[in-house]
Amino acid sequence: MKRKQGGMTLTSFLGVLAVAGFALYIGMKLFPMYQEFYAVKTSMKALAREPGNADPARALEMFYRRMDMNYSDSIKRDSIRFDRIDGGVRMSVNYEVRRPLVGNLDIVGRFENAQDLTSRGE
């Protein structure tokens, strides 16, 4: 009685390896973008807890200090907007990150976050 072997051929193994490698490559391009966005959100929340942060100029300076500590360079000054609300200001960050992928193809991430800043720091 003959037993039939099961498993993958070399060609199918190389195909699976290529797909997994491409997925890993895209993940390596996406991870820093989302890590930077997490740093933006964390910095904005920490800024909201500080007293006296309702002055847009001071808030902007403090925000950029935090971004420098996180080695973030995607957020430009025109990406940040301040709007007056009751008791303070609302800080909105809206930016886009573009990373090269392969040849003339890019990965584009569009991120936005808003945080209320009050003079009480709550």
PDB file of N, CA and C in Angstrom:
ATOM      1  N   MET A   1       0.835  -1.160   0.000  1.00  0.00           N
ATOM      2  CA  MET A   1       0.000   0.000   0.000  1.00  0.00           C
ATOM      3  C   MET A   1       0.899   1.250   0.000  1.00  0.00           C
ATOM      4  N   LYS A   2       0.705   2.127  -0.994  1.00  0.00           N
ATOM      5  CA  LYS A   2       1.501   3.341  -1.113  1.00  0.00           C
ATOM      6  C   LYS A   2       0.882   4.453  -0.272  1.00  0.00           C
ATOM      7  N   ARG A   3       1.763   5.215   0.347  1.00  0.00           N
ATOM      8  CA  ARG A   3       1.298   6.380   1.099  1.00  0.00           C
ATOM      9  C   ARG A   3       1.612   7.632   0.301  1.00  0.00           C
ATOM     10  N   LYS A   4       0.647   8.528   0.226  1.00  0.00           N
ATOM     11  CA  LYS A   4       0.828   9.769  -0.516  1.00  0.00           C
ATOM     12  C   LYS A   4       1.374  10.837   0.435  1.00  0.00           C
ATOM     13  N   GLN A   5       2.414  11.507  -0.002  1.00  0.00           N
ATOM     14  CA  GLN A   5       2.997  12.551   0.826  1.00  0.00           C
ATOM     15  C   GLN A   5       2.176  13.833   0.715  1.00  0.00           C
ATOM     16  N   GLY A   6       2.105  14.574   1.791  1.00  0.00           N
ATOM     17  CA  GLY A   6       1.406  15.856   1.786  1.00  0.00           C
ATOM     18  C   GLY A   6       2.388  16.966   2.119  1.00  0.00           C
ATOM     19  N   GLY A   7       2.041  18.158   1.729  1.00  0.00           N
ATOM     20  CA  GLY A   7       2.910  19.291   2.043  1.00  0.00           C
ATOM     21  C   GLY A   7       2.974  20.263   0.886  1.00  0.00           C
ATOM     22  N   MET A   8       3.835  21.224   1.048  1.00  0.00           N
ATOM     23  CA  MET A   8       3.974  22.261   0.039  1.00  0.00           C
ATOM     24  C   MET A   8       5.143  21.940  -0.880  1.00  0.00           C
ATOM     25  N   THR A   9       5.008  22.379  -2.101  1.00  0.00           N
ATOM     26  CA  THR A   9       6.134  22.272  -3.029  1.00  0.00           C
ATOM     27  C   THR A   9       7.040  23.477  -2.807  1.00  0.00           C
ATOM     28  N   LEU A  10       8.208  23.431  -3.370  1.00  0.00           N
ATOM     29  CA  LEU A  10       9.153  24.535  -3.228  1.00  0.00           C
ATOM     30  C   LEU A  10       8.582  25.820  -3.831  1.00  0.00           C
ATOM     31  N   THR A  11       7.897  25.694  -4.951  1.00  0.00           N
ATOM     32  CA  THR A  11       7.313  26.866  -5.607  1.00  0.00           C
ATOM     33  C   THR A  11       6.252  27.516  -4.733  1.00  0.00           C
ATOM     34  N   SER A  12       5.374  26.730  -4.140  1.00  0.00           N
ATOM     35  CA  SER A  12       4.331  27.303  -3.285  1.00  0.00           C
ATOM     36  C   SER A  12       4.941  27.873  -2.010  1.00  0.00           C
ATOM     37  N   PHE A  13       5.989  27.239  -1.497  1.00  0.00           N
ATOM     38  CA  PHE A  13       6.667  27.783  -0.315  1.00  0.00           C
ATOM     39  C   PHE A  13       7.291  29.146  -0.625  1.00  0.00           C
ATOM     40  N   LEU A  14       7.914  29.284  -1.782  1.00  0.00           N
ATOM     41  CA  LEU A  14       8.495  30.564  -2.172  1.00  0.00           C
ATOM     42  C   LEU A  14       7.415  31.623  -2.380  1.00  0.00           C
ATOM     43  N   GLY A  15       6.258  31.232  -2.898  1.00  0.00           N
ATOM     44  CA  GLY A  15       5.143  32.164  -3.060  1.00  0.00           C
ATOM     45  C   GLY A  15       4.641  32.666  -1.715  1.00  0.00           C
ATOM     46  N   VAL A  16       4.459  31.758  -0.775  1.00  0.00           N
ATOM     47  CA  VAL A  16       4.019  32.145   0.571  1.00  0.00           C
ATOM     48  C   VAL A  16       5.068  33.037   1.229  1.00  0.00           C
ATOM     49  N   LEU A  17       6.335  32.715   1.049  1.00  0.00           N
ATOM     50  CA  LEU A  17       7.424  33.505   1.605  1.00  0.00           C
ATOM     51  C   LEU A  17       7.448  34.916   1.009  1.00  0.00           C
ATOM     52  N   ALA A  18       7.188  35.032  -0.286  1.00  0.00           N
ATOM     53  CA  ALA A  18       7.164  36.341  -0.941  1.00  0.00           C
ATOM     54  C   ALA A  18       6.001  37.192  -0.421  1.00  0.00           C
ATOM     55  N   VAL A  19       4.826  36.610  -0.271  1.00  0.00           N
ATOM     56  CA  VAL A  19       3.667  37.338   0.243  1.00  0.00           C
ATOM     57  C   VAL A  19       3.918  37.776   1.691  1.00  0.00           C
ATOM     58  N   ALA A  20       4.454  36.881   2.505  1.00  0.00           N
ATOM     59  CA  ALA A  20       4.747  37.229   3.899  1.00  0.00           C
ATOM     60  C   ALA A  20       5.821  38.314   3.971  1.00  0.00           C
ATOM     61  N   GLY A  21       6.825  38.247   3.121  1.00  0.00           N
ATOM     62  CA  GLY A  21       7.873  39.261   3.091  1.00  0.00           C
ATOM     63  C   GLY A  21       7.342  40.621   2.686  1.00  0.00           C
ATOM     64  N   PHE A  22       6.449  40.660   1.701  1.00  0.00           N
ATOM     65  CA  PHE A  22       5.863  41.919   1.267  1.00  0.00           C
ATOM     66  C   PHE A  22       4.989  42.519   2.371  1.00  0.00           C
ATOM     67  N   ALA A  23       4.222  41.674   3.062  1.00  0.00           N
ATOM     68  CA  ALA A  23       3.396  42.148   4.171  1.00  0.00           C
ATOM     69  C   ALA A  23       4.270  42.698   5.293  1.00  0.00           C
ATOM     70  N   LEU A  24       5.380  42.057   5.575  1.00  0.00           N
ATOM     71  CA  LEU A  24       6.312  42.533   6.587  1.00  0.00           C
ATOM     72  C   LEU A  24       6.944  43.861   6.174  1.00  0.00           C
ATOM     73  N   TYR A  25       7.267  44.001   4.900  1.00  0.00           N
ATOM     74  CA  TYR A  25       7.844  45.239   4.379  1.00  0.00           C
ATOM     75  C   TYR A  25       6.867  46.404   4.526  1.00  0.00           C
ATOM     76  N   ILE A  26       5.605  46.183   4.207  1.00  0.00           N
ATOM     77  CA  ILE A  26       4.589  47.229   4.360  1.00  0.00           C
ATOM     78  C   ILE A  26       4.404  47.564   5.844  1.00  0.00           C
ATOM     79  N   GLY A  27       4.423  46.551   6.693  1.00  0.00           N
ATOM     80  CA  GLY A  27       4.316  46.785   8.129  1.00  0.00           C
ATOM     81  C   GLY A  27       5.467  47.624   8.662  1.00  0.00           C
ATOM     82  N   MET A  28       6.658  47.404   8.119  1.00  0.00           N
ATOM     83  CA  MET A  28       7.817  48.191   8.536  1.00  0.00           C
ATOM     84  C   MET A  28       7.698  49.640   8.088  1.00  0.00           C
ATOM     85  N   LYS A  29       6.983  49.901   7.024  1.00  0.00           N
ATOM     86  CA  LYS A  29       6.747  51.271   6.564  1.00  0.00           C
ATOM     87  C   LYS A  29       5.632  51.944   7.366  1.00  0.00           C
ATOM     88  N   LEU A  30       4.612  51.181   7.767  1.00  0.00           N
ATOM     89  CA  LEU A  30       3.461  51.740   8.472  1.00  0.00           C
ATOM     90  C   LEU A  30       3.720  51.966   9.963  1.00  0.00           C
ATOM     91  N   PHE A  31       4.489  51.092  10.588  1.00  0.00           N
ATOM     92  CA  PHE A  31       4.684  51.155  12.035  1.00  0.00           C
ATOM     93  C   PHE A  31       5.218  52.510  12.506  1.00  0.00           C
ATOM     94  N   PRO A  32       6.265  53.081  11.899  1.00  0.00           N
ATOM     95  CA  PRO A  32       6.746  54.385  12.370  1.00  0.00           C
ATOM     96  C   PRO A  32       5.714  55.503  12.228  1.00  0.00           C
ATOM     97  N   MET A  33       4.879  55.436  11.203  1.00  0.00           N
ATOM     98  CA  MET A  33       3.843  56.455  11.023  1.00  0.00           C
ATOM     99  C   MET A  33       2.850  56.423  12.179  1.00  0.00           C
ATOM    100  N   TYR A  34       2.403  55.237  12.554  1.00  0.00           N
ATOM    101  CA  TYR A  34       1.438  55.115  13.644  1.00  0.00           C
ATOM    102  C   TYR A  34       2.094  55.344  14.996  1.00  0.00           C
ATOM    103  N   GLN A  35       3.365  55.009  15.124  1.00  0.00           N
ATOM    104  CA  GLN A  35       4.086  55.289  16.363  1.00  0.00           C
ATOM    105  C   GLN A  35       4.194  56.804  16.578  1.00  0.00           C
ATOM    106  N   GLU A  36       4.438  57.533  15.511  1.00  0.00           N
ATOM    107  CA  GLU A  36       4.504  58.985  15.595  1.00  0.00           C
ATOM    108  C   GLU A  36       3.135  59.569  15.953  1.00  0.00           C
ATOM    109  N   PHE A  37       2.065  59.042  15.376  1.00  0.00           N
ATOM    110  CA  PHE A  37       0.723  59.524  15.697  1.00  0.00           C
ATOM    111  C   PHE A  37       0.387  59.262  17.165  1.00  0.00           C
ATOM    112  N   TYR A  38       0.800  58.122  17.691  1.00  0.00           N
ATOM    113  CA  TYR A  38       0.592  57.828  19.105  1.00  0.00           C
ATOM    114  C   TYR A  38       1.342  58.840  19.969  1.00  0.00           C
ATOM    115  N   ALA A  39       2.551  59.227  19.556  1.00  0.00           N
ATOM    116  CA  ALA A  39       3.317  60.241  20.288  1.00  0.00           C
ATOM    117  C   ALA A  39       2.611  61.594  20.248  1.00  0.00           C
ATOM    118  N   VAL A  40       1.993  61.930  19.117  1.00  0.00           N
ATOM    119  CA  VAL A  40       1.241  63.181  18.999  1.00  0.00           C
ATOM    120  C   VAL A  40       0.064  63.170  19.974  1.00  0.00           C
ATOM    121  N   LYS A  41      -0.699  62.086  19.973  1.00  0.00           N
ATOM    122  CA  LYS A  41      -1.859  61.998  20.866  1.00  0.00           C
ATOM    123  C   LYS A  41      -1.431  62.055  22.332  1.00  0.00           C
ATOM    124  N   THR A  42      -0.373  61.351  22.682  1.00  0.00           N
ATOM    125  CA  THR A  42       0.117  61.343  24.054  1.00  0.00           C
ATOM    126  C   THR A  42       0.601  62.728  24.469  1.00  0.00           C
ATOM    127  N   SER A  43       1.300  63.407  23.579  1.00  0.00           N
ATOM    128  CA  SER A  43       1.800  64.752  23.877  1.00  0.00           C
ATOM    129  C   SER A  43       0.661  65.737  24.049  1.00  0.00           C
ATOM    130  N   MET A  44      -0.365  65.617  23.239  1.00  0.00           N
ATOM    131  CA  MET A  44      -1.507  66.524  23.359  1.00  0.00           C
ATOM    132  C   MET A  44      -2.263  66.283  24.668  1.00  0.00           C
ATOM    133  N   LYS A  45      -2.403  65.038  25.079  1.00  0.00           N
ATOM    134  CA  LYS A  45      -3.075  64.747  26.349  1.00  0.00           C
ATOM    135  C   LYS A  45      -2.260  65.270  27.526  1.00  0.00           C
ATOM    136  N   ALA A  46      -0.945  65.104  27.467  1.00  0.00           N
ATOM    137  CA  ALA A  46      -0.083  65.610  28.541  1.00  0.00           C
ATOM    138  C   ALA A  46      -0.118  67.130  28.574  1.00  0.00           C
ATOM    139  N   LEU A  47      -0.171  67.751  27.426  1.00  0.00           N
ATOM    140  CA  LEU A  47      -0.252  69.211  27.347  1.00  0.00           C
ATOM    141  C   LEU A  47      -1.564  69.712  27.949  1.00  0.00           C
ATOM    142  N   ALA A  48      -2.637  68.964  27.768  1.00  0.00           N
ATOM    143  CA  ALA A  48      -3.939  69.358  28.308  1.00  0.00           C
ATOM    144  C   ALA A  48      -3.948  69.316  29.833  1.00  0.00           C
ATOM    145  N   ARG A  49      -3.126  68.474  30.439  1.00  0.00           N
ATOM    146  CA  ARG A  49      -3.085  68.364  31.901  1.00  0.00           C
ATOM    147  C   ARG A  49      -2.258  69.468  32.560  1.00  0.00           C
ATOM    148  N   GLU A  50      -1.458  70.182  31.798  1.00  0.00           N
ATOM    149  CA  GLU A  50      -0.620  71.228  32.375  1.00  0.00           C
ATOM    150  C   GLU A  50      -1.423  72.506  32.584  1.00  0.00           C
ATOM    151  N   PRO A  51      -1.273  73.142  33.746  1.00  0.00           N
ATOM    152  CA  PRO A  51      -1.991  74.392  33.977  1.00  0.00           C
ATOM    153  C   PRO A  51      -1.402  75.525  33.131  1.00  0.00           C
ATOM    154  N   GLY A  52      -2.253  76.438  32.743  1.00  0.00           N
ATOM    155  CA  GLY A  52      -1.814  77.596  31.980  1.00  0.00           C
ATOM    156  C   GLY A  52      -1.478  77.304  30.536  1.00  0.00           C
ATOM    157  N   ASN A  53      -2.111  76.314  29.959  1.00  0.00           N
ATOM    158  CA  ASN A  53      -1.795  75.912  28.589  1.00  0.00           C
ATOM    159  C   ASN A  53      -2.737  76.527  27.560  1.00  0.00           C
ATOM    160  N   ALA A  54      -3.633  77.418  27.979  1.00  0.00           N
ATOM    161  CA  ALA A  54      -4.632  77.959  27.058  1.00  0.00           C
ATOM    162  C   ALA A  54      -4.073  79.031  26.126  1.00  0.00           C
ATOM    163  N   ASP A  55      -2.841  79.466  26.348  1.00  0.00           N
ATOM    164  CA  ASP A  55      -2.206  80.421  25.447  1.00  0.00           C
ATOM    165  C   ASP A  55      -1.666  79.647  24.242  1.00  0.00           C
ATOM    166  N   PRO A  56      -2.169  79.923  23.035  1.00  0.00           N
ATOM    167  CA  PRO A  56      -1.738  79.143  21.859  1.00  0.00           C
ATOM    168  C   PRO A  56      -0.230  79.176  21.599  1.00  0.00           C
ATOM    169  N   ALA A  57       0.412  80.320  21.805  1.00  0.00           N
ATOM    170  CA  ALA A  57       1.858  80.406  21.550  1.00  0.00           C
ATOM    171  C   ALA A  57       2.630  79.512  22.522  1.00  0.00           C
ATOM    172  N   ARG A  58       2.248  79.556  23.797  1.00  0.00           N
ATOM    173  CA  ARG A  58       2.924  78.711  24.795  1.00  0.00           C
ATOM    174  C   ARG A  58       2.621  77.233  24.553  1.00  0.00           C
ATOM    175  N   ALA A  59       1.376  76.932  24.225  1.00  0.00           N
ATOM    176  CA  ALA A  59       0.991  75.546  23.959  1.00  0.00           C
ATOM    177  C   ALA A  59       1.746  74.998  22.758  1.00  0.00           C
ATOM    178  N   LEU A  60       1.918  75.805  21.737  1.00  0.00           N
ATOM    179  CA  LEU A  60       2.643  75.375  20.550  1.00  0.00           C
ATOM    180  C   LEU A  60       4.107  75.093  20.877  1.00  0.00           C
ATOM    181  N   GLU A  61       4.713  75.963  21.673  1.00  0.00           N
ATOM    182  CA  GLU A  61       6.111  75.757  22.063  1.00  0.00           C
ATOM    183  C   GLU A  61       6.275  74.478  22.879  1.00  0.00           C
ATOM    184  N   MET A  62       5.367  74.264  23.830  1.00  0.00           N
ATOM    185  CA  MET A  62       5.432  73.059  24.662  1.00  0.00           C
ATOM    186  C   MET A  62       5.189  71.805  23.828  1.00  0.00           C
ATOM    187  N   PHE A  63       4.273  71.893  22.879  1.00  0.00           N
ATOM    188  CA  PHE A  63       3.985  70.746  22.014  1.00  0.00           C
ATOM    189  C   PHE A  63       5.213  70.389  21.182  1.00  0.00           C
ATOM    190  N   TYR A  64       5.874  71.375  20.596  1.00  0.00           N
ATOM    191  CA  TYR A  64       7.055  71.098  19.781  1.00  0.00           C
ATOM    192  C   TYR A  64       8.230  70.596  20.608  1.00  0.00           C
ATOM    193  N   ARG A  65       8.329  71.000  21.861  1.00  0.00           N
ATOM    194  CA  ARG A  65       9.364  70.420  22.727  1.00  0.00           C
ATOM    195  C   ARG A  65       9.129  68.923  22.906  1.00  0.00           C
ATOM    196  N   ARG A  66       7.873  68.577  23.124  1.00  0.00           N
ATOM    197  CA  ARG A  66       7.552  67.149  23.277  1.00  0.00           C
ATOM    198  C   ARG A  66       7.797  66.373  21.983  1.00  0.00           C
ATOM    199  N   MET A  67       7.475  66.984  20.862  1.00  0.00           N
ATOM    200  CA  MET A  67       7.695  66.318  19.576  1.00  0.00           C
ATOM    201  C   MET A  67       9.188  66.146  19.283  1.00  0.00           C
ATOM    202  N   ASP A  68      10.001  67.116  19.713  1.00  0.00           N
ATOM    203  CA  ASP A  68      11.453  66.977  19.543  1.00  0.00           C
ATOM    204  C   ASP A  68      11.992  65.811  20.356  1.00  0.00           C
ATOM    205  N   MET A  69      11.441  65.597  21.547  1.00  0.00           N
ATOM    206  CA  MET A  69      11.878  64.470  22.373  1.00  0.00           C
ATOM    207  C   MET A  69      11.504  63.139  21.733  1.00  0.00           C
ATOM    208  N   ASN A  70      10.448  63.118  20.945  1.00  0.00           N
ATOM    209  CA  ASN A  70      10.000  61.895  20.278  1.00  0.00           C
ATOM    210  C   ASN A  70      10.568  61.756  18.867  1.00  0.00           C
ATOM    211  N   TYR A  71      11.466  62.649  18.482  1.00  0.00           N
ATOM    212  CA  TYR A  71      12.093  62.630  17.158  1.00  0.00           C
ATOM    213  C   TYR A  71      11.058  62.660  16.039  1.00  0.00           C
ATOM    214  N   SER A  72      10.039  63.472  16.222  1.00  0.00           N
ATOM    215  CA  SER A  72       8.986  63.590  15.232  1.00  0.00           C
ATOM    216  C   SER A  72       9.257  64.805  14.348  1.00  0.00           C
ATOM    217  N   ASP A  73       9.170  64.605  13.030  1.00  0.00           N
ATOM    218  CA  ASP A  73       9.423  65.716  12.125  1.00  0.00           C
ATOM    219  C   ASP A  73       8.347  65.876  11.064  1.00  0.00           C
ATOM    220  N   SER A  74       7.245  65.169  11.175  1.00  0.00           N
ATOM    221  CA  SER A  74       6.191  65.228  10.163  1.00  0.00           C
ATOM    222  C   SER A  74       5.197  66.356  10.391  1.00  0.00           C
ATOM    223  N   ILE A  75       5.129  66.878  11.597  1.00  0.00           N
ATOM    224  CA  ILE A  75       4.127  67.880  11.918  1.00  0.00           C
ATOM    225  C   ILE A  75       4.726  69.268  11.703  1.00  0.00           C
ATOM    226  N   LYS A  76       4.170  69.995  10.767  1.00  0.00           N
ATOM    227  CA  LYS A  76       4.615  71.358  10.463  1.00  0.00           C
ATOM    228  C   LYS A  76       3.689  72.355  11.162  1.00  0.00           C
ATOM    229  N   ARG A  77       4.118  73.579  11.245  1.00  0.00           N
ATOM    230  CA  ARG A  77       3.330  74.608  11.947  1.00  0.00           C
ATOM    231  C   ARG A  77       1.966  74.835  11.299  1.00  0.00           C
ATOM    232  N   ASP A  78       1.873  74.699   9.993  1.00  0.00           N
ATOM    233  CA  ASP A  78       0.565  74.911   9.345  1.00  0.00           C
ATOM    234  C   ASP A  78      -0.368  73.722   9.526  1.00  0.00           C
ATOM    235  N   SER A  79       0.101  72.641  10.156  1.00  0.00           N
ATOM    236  CA  SER A  79      -0.740  71.475  10.448  1.00  0.00           C
ATOM    237  C   SER A  79      -1.498  71.631  11.755  1.00  0.00           C
ATOM    238  N   ILE A  80      -1.151  72.650  12.530  1.00  0.00           N
ATOM    239  CA  ILE A  80      -1.735  72.843  13.857  1.00  0.00           C
ATOM    240  C   ILE A  80      -2.650  74.068  13.829  1.00  0.00           C
ATOM    241  N   ARG A  81      -3.827  73.881  14.408  1.00  0.00           N
ATOM    242  CA  ARG A  81      -4.808  74.971  14.427  1.00  0.00           C
ATOM    243  C   ARG A  81      -5.372  75.110  15.842  1.00  0.00           C
ATOM    244  N   PHE A  82      -5.610  76.352  16.259  1.00  0.00           N
ATOM    245  CA  PHE A  82      -6.209  76.635  17.551  1.00  0.00           C
ATOM    246  C   PHE A  82      -7.536  77.342  17.323  1.00  0.00           C
ATOM    247  N   ASP A  83      -8.585  76.860  17.983  1.00  0.00           N
ATOM    248  CA  ASP A  83      -9.910  77.478  17.923  1.00  0.00           C
ATOM    249  C   ASP A  83     -10.356  77.797  19.342  1.00  0.00           C
ATOM    250  N   ARG A  84     -10.952  78.940  19.513  1.00  0.00           N
ATOM    251  CA  ARG A  84     -11.444  79.346  20.837  1.00  0.00           C
ATOM    252  C   ARG A  84     -12.683  78.532  21.214  1.00  0.00           C
ATOM    253  N   ILE A  85     -12.696  78.073  22.465  1.00  0.00           N
ATOM    254  CA  ILE A  85     -13.861  77.403  23.047  1.00  0.00           C
ATOM    255  C   ILE A  85     -14.096  78.020  24.423  1.00  0.00           C
ATOM    256  N   ASP A  86     -15.175  77.645  25.082  1.00  0.00           N
ATOM    257  CA  ASP A  86     -15.443  78.153  26.430  1.00  0.00           C
ATOM    258  C   ASP A  86     -14.351  77.690  27.388  1.00  0.00           C
ATOM    259  N   GLY A  87     -13.660  78.633  27.989  1.00  0.00           N
ATOM    260  CA  GLY A  87     -12.657  78.299  28.996  1.00  0.00           C
ATOM    261  C   GLY A  87     -11.287  77.975  28.442  1.00  0.00           C
ATOM    262  N   GLY A  88     -11.055  78.151  27.161  1.00  0.00           N
ATOM    263  CA  GLY A  88      -9.734  77.850  26.627  1.00  0.00           C
ATOM    264  C   GLY A  88      -9.712  77.783  25.115  1.00  0.00           C
ATOM    265  N   VAL A  89      -8.908  76.866  24.607  1.00  0.00           N
ATOM    266  CA  VAL A  89      -8.781  76.685  23.161  1.00  0.00           C
ATOM    267  C   VAL A  89      -8.817  75.191  22.832  1.00  0.00           C
ATOM    268  N   ARG A  90      -9.161  74.888  21.605  1.00  0.00           N
ATOM    269  CA  ARG A  90      -9.104  73.517  21.102  1.00  0.00           C
ATOM    270  C   ARG A  90      -7.940  73.448  20.119  1.00  0.00           C
ATOM    271  N   MET A  91      -7.010  72.581  20.410  1.00  0.00           N
ATOM    272  CA  MET A  91      -5.846  72.379  19.550  1.00  0.00           C
ATOM    273  C   MET A  91      -6.146  71.218  18.614  1.00  0.00           C
ATOM    274  N   SER A  92      -6.044  71.471  17.314  1.00  0.00           N
ATOM    275  CA  SER A  92      -6.290  70.437  16.306  1.00  0.00           C
ATOM    276  C   SER A  92      -5.023  70.232  15.492  1.00  0.00           C
ATOM    277  N   VAL A  93      -4.638  68.970  15.328  1.00  0.00           N
ATOM    278  CA  VAL A  93      -3.471  68.616  14.519  1.00  0.00           C
ATOM    279  C   VAL A  93      -3.975  67.761  13.369  1.00  0.00           C
ATOM    280  N   ASN A  94      -3.685  68.186  12.158  1.00  0.00           N
ATOM    281  CA  ASN A  94      -4.124  67.482  10.958  1.00  0.00           C
ATOM    282  C   ASN A  94      -2.934  67.457   9.996  1.00  0.00           C
ATOM    283  N   TYR A  95      -2.352  66.272   9.801  1.00  0.00           N
ATOM    284  CA  TYR A  95      -1.158  66.189   8.966  1.00  0.00           C
ATOM    285  C   TYR A  95      -1.160  64.918   8.133  1.00  0.00           C
ATOM    286  N   GLU A  96      -0.263  64.902   7.165  1.00  0.00           N
ATOM    287  CA  GLU A  96      -0.150  63.771   6.248  1.00  0.00           C
ATOM    288  C   GLU A  96       1.310  63.316   6.209  1.00  0.00           C
ATOM    289  N   VAL A  97       1.496  62.008   6.209  1.00  0.00           N
ATOM    290  CA  VAL A  97       2.834  61.424   6.123  1.00  0.00           C
ATOM    291  C   VAL A  97       2.896  60.601   4.843  1.00  0.00           C
ATOM    292  N   ARG A  98       3.922  60.828   4.058  1.00  0.00           N
ATOM    293  CA  ARG A  98       4.098  60.113   2.792  1.00  0.00           C
ATOM    294  C   ARG A  98       5.464  59.428   2.817  1.00  0.00           C
ATOM    295  N   ARG A  99       5.461  58.119   2.664  1.00  0.00           N
ATOM    296  CA  ARG A  99       6.696  57.338   2.659  1.00  0.00           C
ATOM    297  C   ARG A  99       6.793  56.566   1.348  1.00  0.00           C
ATOM    298  N   PRO A 100       7.972  56.528   0.745  1.00  0.00           N
ATOM    299  CA  PRO A 100       8.131  55.758  -0.487  1.00  0.00           C
ATOM    300  C   PRO A 100       7.988  54.258  -0.211  1.00  0.00           C
ATOM    301  N   LEU A 101       7.350  53.549  -1.141  1.00  0.00           N
ATOM    302  CA  LEU A 101       7.159  52.107  -0.983  1.00  0.00           C
ATOM    303  C   LEU A 101       8.028  51.363  -1.981  1.00  0.00           C
ATOM    304  N   VAL A 102       7.621  51.362  -3.228  1.00  0.00           N
ATOM    305  CA  VAL A 102       8.368  50.687  -4.288  1.00  0.00           C
ATOM    306  C   VAL A 102       8.285  51.554  -5.535  1.00  0.00           C
ATOM    307  N   GLY A 103       9.406  51.899  -6.099  1.00  0.00           N
ATOM    308  CA  GLY A 103       9.405  52.683  -7.325  1.00  0.00           C
ATOM    309  C   GLY A 103       8.698  54.005  -7.130  1.00  0.00           C
ATOM    310  N   ASN A 104       7.662  54.246  -7.909  1.00  0.00           N
ATOM    311  CA  ASN A 104       6.921  55.501  -7.796  1.00  0.00           C
ATOM    312  C   ASN A 104       5.659  55.361  -6.938  1.00  0.00           C
ATOM    313  N   LEU A 105       5.537  54.289  -6.186  1.00  0.00           N
ATOM    314  CA  LEU A 105       4.401  54.086  -5.284  1.00  0.00           C
ATOM    315  C   LEU A 105       4.760  54.546  -3.879  1.00  0.00           C
ATOM    316  N   ASP A 106       3.842  55.264  -3.257  1.00  0.00           N
ATOM    317  CA  ASP A 106       4.026  55.757  -1.900  1.00  0.00           C
ATOM    318  C   ASP A 106       2.929  55.224  -0.996  1.00  0.00           C
ATOM    319  N   ILE A 107       3.244  55.163   0.288  1.00  0.00           N
ATOM    320  CA  ILE A 107       2.228  54.912   1.315  1.00  0.00           C
ATOM    321  C   ILE A 107       1.911  56.268   1.917  1.00  0.00           C
ATOM    322  N   VAL A 108       0.630  56.600   1.985  1.00  0.00           N
ATOM    323  CA  VAL A 108       0.209  57.886   2.517  1.00  0.00           C
ATOM    324  C   VAL A 108      -0.675  57.634   3.733  1.00  0.00           C
ATOM    325  N   GLY A 109      -0.326  58.289   4.828  1.00  0.00           N
ATOM    326  CA  GLY A 109      -1.137  58.229   6.036  1.00  0.00           C
ATOM    327  C   GLY A 109      -1.636  59.615   6.367  1.00  0.00           C
ATOM    328  N   ARG A 110      -2.922  59.746   6.609  1.00  0.00           N
ATOM    329  CA  ARG A 110      -3.516  61.032   6.973  1.00  0.00           C
ATOM    330  C   ARG A 110      -4.017  60.909   8.408  1.00  0.00           C
ATOM    331  N   PHE A 111      -3.515  61.773   9.279  1.00  0.00           N
ATOM    332  CA  PHE A 111      -3.808  61.682  10.701  1.00  0.00           C
ATOM    333  C   PHE A 111      -4.384  62.995  11.205  1.00  0.00           C
ATOM    334  N   GLU A 112      -5.304  62.889  12.157  1.00  0.00           N
ATOM    335  CA  GLU A 112      -5.833  64.089  12.801  1.00  0.00           C
ATOM    336  C   GLU A 112      -6.234  63.766  14.228  1.00  0.00           C
ATOM    337  N   ASN A 113      -6.082  64.772  15.088  1.00  0.00           N
ATOM    338  CA  ASN A 113      -6.443  64.641  16.490  1.00  0.00           C
ATOM    339  C   ASN A 113      -6.770  66.022  17.026  1.00  0.00           C
ATOM    340  N   ALA A 114      -7.668  66.098  17.978  1.00  0.00           N
ATOM    341  CA  ALA A 114      -8.036  67.362  18.601  1.00  0.00           C
ATOM    342  C   ALA A 114      -8.040  67.183  20.116  1.00  0.00           C
ATOM    343  N   GLN A 115      -7.649  68.249  20.809  1.00  0.00           N
ATOM    344  CA  GLN A 115      -7.595  68.213  22.270  1.00  0.00           C
ATOM    345  C   GLN A 115      -7.981  69.585  22.808  1.00  0.00           C
ATOM    346  N   ASP A 116      -8.861  69.603  23.807  1.00  0.00           N
ATOM    347  CA  ASP A 116      -9.234  70.862  24.446  1.00  0.00           C
ATOM    348  C   ASP A 116      -8.184  71.238  25.483  1.00  0.00           C
ATOM    349  N   LEU A 117      -7.727  72.487  25.425  1.00  0.00           N
ATOM    350  CA  LEU A 117      -6.756  73.007  26.377  1.00  0.00           C
ATOM    351  C   LEU A 117      -7.437  74.106  27.187  1.00  0.00           C
ATOM    352  N   THR A 118      -7.477  73.947  28.498  1.00  0.00           N
ATOM    353  CA  THR A 118      -8.096  74.936  29.359  1.00  0.00           C
ATOM    354  C   THR A 118      -7.045  75.522  30.281  1.00  0.00           C
ATOM    355  N   SER A 119      -7.310  76.690  30.797  1.00  0.00           N
ATOM    356  CA  SER A 119      -6.333  77.340  31.681  1.00  0.00           C
ATOM    357  C   SER A 119      -6.194  76.587  33.010  1.00  0.00           C
ATOM    358  N   ARG A 120      -7.187  75.761  33.349  1.00  0.00           N
ATOM    359  CA  ARG A 120      -7.129  74.984  34.592  1.00  0.00           C
ATOM    360  C   ARG A 120      -6.271  73.752  34.442  1.00  0.00           C
ATOM    361  N   GLY A 121      -6.045  73.298  33.227  1.00  0.00           N
ATOM    362  CA  GLY A 121      -5.242  72.100  33.012  1.00  0.00           C
ATOM    363  C   GLY A 121      -5.981  70.815  33.297  1.00  0.00           C
ATOM    364  N   GLU A 122      -7.264  70.782  32.979  1.00  0.00           N
ATOM    365  CA  GLU A 122      -8.069  69.565  33.231  1.00  0.00           C
ATOM    366  C   GLU A 122      -8.366  68.842  31.958  1.00  0.00           C
TER     367      GLU A 122
END
